[in-house]
Amino acid sequence: MTSDLSRAAEDAVLPFLRTPSFLIRRFDLTATDRADAFAAALESTDASGLTIRSRIEQFGRYLGTRVAVEQDAILEALRTMPTRRIGADAAYDMDDAGTRAARDSILPNVRLANGEVPTATRERLMHGFNTPFFPEILISSAVMGEGVDLHKSCRHVVHHDLDWNPSTIEQRTGRVDRLESKSELTGQPVVINEPYMEGTQDEKQFRVMKDRERRFNVVMGERLELDEASIDRLQARLEFPKEAAQALAINLAVSADR
């Protein structure tokens, strides 16, 4: 990483390390020695067994391998990402001079991306979500269901909105199940959750979807997967000869002769 890029990355990253929103689940806010608490927070591990320090270092290595345009987009996304609550609901205190001053307010590391969110904002959210910083949880509609990469810092997917077609669910999961993903880096599986309300239309949709998935597995002889590696394997398979298919076809027509 060049010195200019290192300085730019430092300027973009430091605000996250200074705000409680990033370290809230790991930083002991009651500690009297903040330096020791910060050092301990950096060595705490996530569910994949990675420390915050190692994730930041890995992000730096990843950033160094990107072309200049991608580097600028990622760093700009971090620089423009809000880390504190602002606006009418912000908390304020009076400083020593009697002037109203904004109090640091913890902003949950959760963002929403749907059709009402501008495309440029969704792109910034995608870049930010692929870093160890912000947001840590991305709630998305179908606009982020395909054609985007969300895999660098995530391996958990919750499908709150199910679909009749299992391929649609697999396509959504494919946003985090990609080459060079966090799952691949840690050797841990992508965790998929498909919640539904028992006794409702949701349960029927879930069971129909799973039944279709099982039928696909029976016909194809393998699990339905649409990640990059699986698609590459499918493309490399030999086509079943047309002549063999015709020879093995079973005539199920019912004869009119008795």
Protein backbone atom coordinates (compact mmCIF):
# COMPACT_ATOMS: atom_id res chain seq x y z
CA MET A 1 0.00 0.00 0.00
CA THR A 2 1.45 3.37 -1.00
CA SER A 3 2.02 6.09 1.58
CA ASP A 4 -0.71 8.26 0.02
CA LEU A 5 -3.19 5.38 0.14
CA SER A 6 -2.16 4.57 3.72
CA ARG A 7 -2.85 8.14 4.82
CA ALA A 8 -6.19 8.20 3.00
CA ALA A 9 -7.19 4.88 4.59
CA GLU A 10 -6.14 6.11 8.03
CA ASP A 11 -8.24 9.27 7.65
CA ALA A 12 -11.28 7.17 6.66
CA VAL A 13 -10.86 4.50 9.34
CA LEU A 14 -9.92 6.50 12.45
CA PRO A 15 -13.38 8.09 12.94
CA PHE A 16 -14.85 4.59 13.34
CA LEU A 17 -12.26 3.59 15.93
CA ARG A 18 -13.11 6.71 17.93
CA THR A 19 -16.87 6.30 18.07
CA PRO A 20 -18.73 4.00 20.50
CA SER A 21 -20.98 2.86 17.63
CA PHE A 22 -18.18 0.69 16.24
CA LEU A 23 -16.79 -0.77 19.48
CA ILE A 24 -19.98 -0.76 21.55
CA ARG A 25 -20.21 -4.57 21.80
CA ARG A 26 -16.51 -5.01 22.59
CA PHE A 27 -15.33 -1.84 24.26
CA ASP A 28 -15.81 -1.57 28.01
CA LEU A 29 -17.35 1.90 28.26
CA THR A 30 -17.06 1.79 32.06
CA ALA A 31 -13.30 1.13 32.03
CA THR A 32 -11.17 3.75 33.74
CA ASP A 33 -8.17 3.01 31.55
CA ARG A 34 -9.45 3.66 28.04
CA ALA A 35 -6.14 2.66 26.41
CA ASP A 36 -6.26 -0.84 27.92
CA ALA A 37 -9.96 -1.14 27.08
CA PHE A 38 -9.28 -0.15 23.47
CA ALA A 39 -6.43 -2.67 23.16
CA ALA A 40 -8.67 -5.39 24.59
CA ALA A 41 -11.45 -4.47 22.17
CA LEU A 42 -9.13 -4.83 19.19
CA GLU A 43 -8.23 -8.37 20.30
CA SER A 44 -11.84 -9.48 20.86
CA THR A 45 -13.15 -12.00 18.33
CA ASP A 46 -16.34 -12.18 16.30
CA ALA A 47 -18.44 -15.29 15.64
CA SER A 48 -15.97 -16.40 12.96
CA GLY A 49 -13.03 -16.29 15.37
CA LEU A 50 -11.46 -13.19 13.79
CA THR A 51 -10.17 -10.34 15.95
CA ILE A 52 -11.03 -6.75 15.11
CA ARG A 53 -7.32 -6.12 14.59
CA SER A 54 -7.00 -8.96 12.06
CA ARG A 55 -10.12 -7.80 10.21
CA ILE A 56 -8.76 -4.27 9.90
CA GLU A 57 -5.41 -5.63 8.69
CA GLN A 58 -7.16 -7.87 6.17
CA PHE A 59 -9.20 -4.89 4.97
CA GLY A 60 -5.96 -2.95 4.44
CA ARG A 61 -4.49 -5.78 2.36
CA TYR A 62 -7.69 -6.03 0.33
CA LEU A 63 -7.75 -2.28 -0.26
CA GLY A 64 -4.16 -2.43 -1.51
CA THR A 65 -5.10 -4.96 -4.20
CA ARG A 66 -7.91 -2.82 -5.67
CA VAL A 67 -7.51 -0.50 -8.64
CA ALA A 68 -7.50 3.23 -7.93
CA VAL A 69 -11.17 3.74 -8.85
CA GLU A 70 -12.30 1.01 -6.43
CA GLN A 71 -10.03 2.31 -3.68
CA ASP A 72 -11.49 5.80 -4.02
CA ALA A 73 -15.07 4.45 -3.95
CA ILE A 74 -14.46 2.39 -0.81
CA LEU A 75 -12.71 5.19 1.09
CA GLU A 76 -15.30 7.75 0.01
CA ALA A 77 -18.06 5.45 1.30
CA LEU A 78 -16.35 5.30 4.71
CA ARG A 79 -15.67 9.03 4.82
CA THR A 80 -19.31 9.90 4.14
CA MET A 81 -20.87 7.26 6.39
CA PRO A 82 -22.52 8.82 9.49
CA THR A 83 -21.35 7.33 12.78
CA ARG A 84 -23.33 9.51 15.19
CA ARG A 85 -26.99 10.45 15.45
CA ILE A 86 -27.77 13.86 14.02
CA GLY A 87 -30.94 15.86 13.46
CA ALA A 88 -33.92 16.70 15.62
CA ASP A 89 -33.57 13.63 17.85
CA ALA A 90 -29.88 14.23 18.63
CA ALA A 91 -28.91 14.54 22.27
CA TYR A 92 -27.43 17.82 23.50
CA ASP A 93 -25.65 19.10 26.59
CA MET A 94 -24.68 22.59 27.69
CA ASP A 95 -20.93 23.13 27.62
CA ASP A 96 -18.95 25.24 30.12
CA ALA A 97 -19.67 28.40 28.12
CA GLY A 98 -23.42 27.77 28.28
CA THR A 99 -23.58 26.88 24.59
CA ARG A 100 -25.58 23.91 23.44
CA ALA A 101 -23.17 21.16 22.30
CA ALA A 102 -24.02 17.86 20.66
CA ARG A 103 -23.51 14.90 22.95
CA ASP A 104 -22.02 11.73 21.47
CA SER A 105 -24.97 9.50 20.73
CA ILE A 106 -24.61 5.84 19.86
CA LEU A 107 -26.03 5.15 16.41
CA PRO A 108 -26.94 1.49 15.79
CA ASN A 109 -24.78 -0.08 13.09
CA VAL A 110 -27.85 -0.95 11.01
CA ARG A 111 -28.81 0.54 7.65
CA LEU A 112 -31.70 0.00 5.23
CA ALA A 113 -31.38 -0.36 1.46
CA ASN A 114 -34.57 -0.46 -0.60
CA GLY A 115 -35.99 1.07 -3.75
CA GLU A 116 -36.49 4.45 -2.07
CA VAL A 117 -32.79 4.72 -1.25
CA PRO A 118 -30.84 6.48 -4.05
CA THR A 119 -28.56 4.27 -6.13
CA ALA A 120 -25.46 6.19 -5.05
CA THR A 121 -26.35 5.67 -1.38
CA ARG A 122 -26.94 1.95 -1.94
CA GLU A 123 -23.52 1.71 -3.56
CA ARG A 124 -21.91 3.42 -0.56
CA LEU A 125 -23.73 1.02 1.76
CA MET A 126 -22.43 -1.93 -0.24
CA HIS A 127 -18.85 -0.67 0.02
CA GLY A 128 -19.24 0.08 3.73
CA PHE A 129 -20.81 -3.32 4.43
CA ASN A 130 -17.77 -5.00 2.85
CA THR A 131 -15.50 -3.38 5.46
CA PRO A 132 -15.21 -4.24 9.17
CA PHE A 133 -16.71 -0.86 10.10
CA PHE A 134 -20.16 0.34 9.12
CA PRO A 135 -22.87 -0.83 8.74
CA GLU A 136 -22.58 -4.18 10.49
CA ILE A 137 -26.18 -5.14 9.66
CA LEU A 138 -27.73 -4.36 6.28
CA ILE A 139 -31.49 -4.76 5.84
CA SER A 140 -32.25 -4.96 2.16
CA SER A 141 -35.14 -5.46 -0.23
CA ALA A 142 -34.84 -7.16 -3.63
CA VAL A 143 -32.79 -4.22 -4.96
CA MET A 144 -29.72 -5.76 -3.33
CA GLY A 145 -30.76 -9.34 -4.06
CA GLU A 146 -28.58 -9.80 -7.13
CA GLY A 147 -25.73 -8.17 -9.00
CA VAL A 148 -23.95 -6.87 -5.88
CA ASP A 149 -21.15 -8.21 -3.67
CA LEU A 150 -21.75 -8.28 0.10
CA HIS A 151 -19.34 -11.07 0.99
CA LYS A 152 -16.14 -9.54 2.37
CA SER A 153 -17.28 -9.11 6.00
CA CYS A 154 -20.49 -11.15 6.20
CA ARG A 155 -21.47 -14.82 6.31
CA HIS A 156 -24.91 -14.62 7.95
CA VAL A 157 -28.10 -14.17 5.93
CA VAL A 158 -31.67 -13.91 7.27
CA HIS A 159 -34.40 -14.26 4.62
CA HIS A 160 -37.33 -12.48 6.25
CA ASP A 161 -39.17 -12.40 2.92
CA LEU A 162 -39.33 -15.91 1.44
CA ASP A 163 -40.08 -16.86 -2.16
CA TRP A 164 -41.89 -19.72 -3.89
CA ASN A 165 -38.80 -20.34 -6.03
CA PRO A 166 -35.76 -21.77 -4.19
CA SER A 167 -33.49 -20.34 -6.89
CA THR A 168 -34.48 -16.82 -5.78
CA ILE A 169 -33.43 -17.54 -2.20
CA GLU A 170 -30.21 -19.13 -3.41
CA GLN A 171 -29.52 -16.08 -5.58
CA ARG A 172 -29.92 -13.79 -2.58
CA THR A 173 -27.62 -15.97 -0.47
CA GLY A 174 -25.11 -15.82 -3.28
CA ARG A 175 -24.43 -12.17 -2.40
CA VAL A 176 -22.31 -13.39 0.53
CA ASP A 177 -21.39 -16.86 -0.78
CA ARG A 178 -18.71 -15.84 -3.26
CA LEU A 179 -15.03 -16.33 -4.01
CA GLU A 180 -12.73 -14.61 -1.48
CA SER A 181 -15.65 -14.26 0.92
CA LYS A 182 -15.41 -14.10 4.71
CA SER A 183 -16.74 -17.65 4.76
CA GLU A 184 -13.90 -18.80 2.52
CA LEU A 185 -11.32 -16.82 4.51
CA THR A 186 -12.34 -18.29 7.87
CA GLY A 187 -13.30 -21.78 6.70
CA GLN A 188 -16.70 -21.26 8.33
CA PRO A 189 -19.99 -21.93 6.48
CA VAL A 190 -22.46 -19.30 5.33
CA VAL A 191 -25.25 -19.35 7.92
CA ILE A 192 -28.73 -19.12 6.36
CA ASN A 193 -31.89 -18.38 8.35
CA GLU A 194 -35.38 -18.69 6.81
CA PRO A 195 -37.89 -17.72 9.52
CA TYR A 196 -41.65 -18.02 9.03
CA MET A 197 -44.83 -17.75 11.09
CA GLU A 198 -46.28 -21.16 11.85
CA GLY A 199 -49.83 -21.72 10.63
CA THR A 200 -49.73 -18.86 8.14
CA GLN A 201 -49.20 -18.43 4.41
CA ASP A 202 -45.52 -18.02 5.22
CA GLU A 203 -45.32 -21.63 6.41
CA LYS A 204 -47.02 -22.88 3.24
CA GLN A 205 -44.61 -20.87 1.10
CA PHE A 206 -41.64 -22.21 3.07
CA ARG A 207 -42.76 -25.84 2.67
CA VAL A 208 -43.51 -25.46 -1.06
CA MET A 209 -40.11 -23.86 -1.61
CA LYS A 210 -38.31 -26.64 0.27
CA ASP A 211 -40.26 -29.29 -1.63
CA ARG A 212 -39.20 -27.76 -4.94
CA GLU A 213 -35.61 -27.66 -3.73
CA ARG A 214 -35.74 -31.37 -2.84
CA ARG A 215 -37.17 -32.19 -6.29
CA PHE A 216 -34.31 -30.33 -7.91
CA ASN A 217 -31.82 -32.30 -5.84
CA VAL A 218 -33.42 -35.59 -6.92
CA VAL A 219 -33.43 -34.67 -10.62
CA MET A 220 -29.97 -33.12 -10.72
CA GLY A 221 -28.33 -35.44 -8.22
CA GLU A 222 -26.82 -32.52 -6.28
CA ARG A 223 -27.79 -29.65 -4.02
CA LEU A 224 -29.17 -26.46 -5.59
CA GLU A 225 -26.35 -23.90 -5.47
CA LEU A 226 -25.86 -20.71 -7.45
CA ASP A 227 -22.59 -19.39 -6.05
CA GLU A 228 -19.68 -18.64 -8.38
CA ALA A 229 -17.85 -21.92 -7.79
CA SER A 230 -21.00 -24.01 -8.37
CA ILE A 231 -21.87 -22.15 -11.58
CA ASP A 232 -18.33 -22.70 -12.86
CA ARG A 233 -18.66 -26.43 -12.14
CA LEU A 234 -21.98 -26.58 -14.00
CA GLN A 235 -20.46 -24.85 -17.00
CA ALA A 236 -17.61 -27.35 -17.05
CA ARG A 237 -19.94 -30.38 -17.11
CA LEU A 238 -20.28 -32.41 -20.28
CA GLU A 239 -23.64 -32.10 -22.00
CA PHE A 240 -25.83 -35.17 -21.94
CA PRO A 241 -25.92 -36.46 -25.55
CA LYS A 242 -29.22 -35.81 -27.33
CA GLU A 243 -29.20 -39.31 -28.83
CA ALA A 244 -28.82 -40.89 -25.37
CA ALA A 245 -31.70 -38.80 -24.02
CA GLN A 246 -33.95 -39.96 -26.87
CA ALA A 247 -32.94 -43.60 -26.36
CA LEU A 248 -33.69 -43.42 -22.63
CA ALA A 249 -37.01 -41.58 -23.02
CA ILE A 250 -40.03 -43.45 -21.68
CA ASN A 251 -43.26 -43.35 -23.68
CA LEU A 252 -46.01 -42.67 -21.14
CA ALA A 253 -48.80 -42.26 -23.70
CA VAL A 254 -51.94 -44.32 -23.05
CA SER A 255 -52.93 -46.49 -26.03
CA ALA A 256 -56.51 -46.24 -27.29
CA ASP A 257 -56.43 -49.92 -28.31
CA ARG A 258 -57.89 -52.41 -25.87
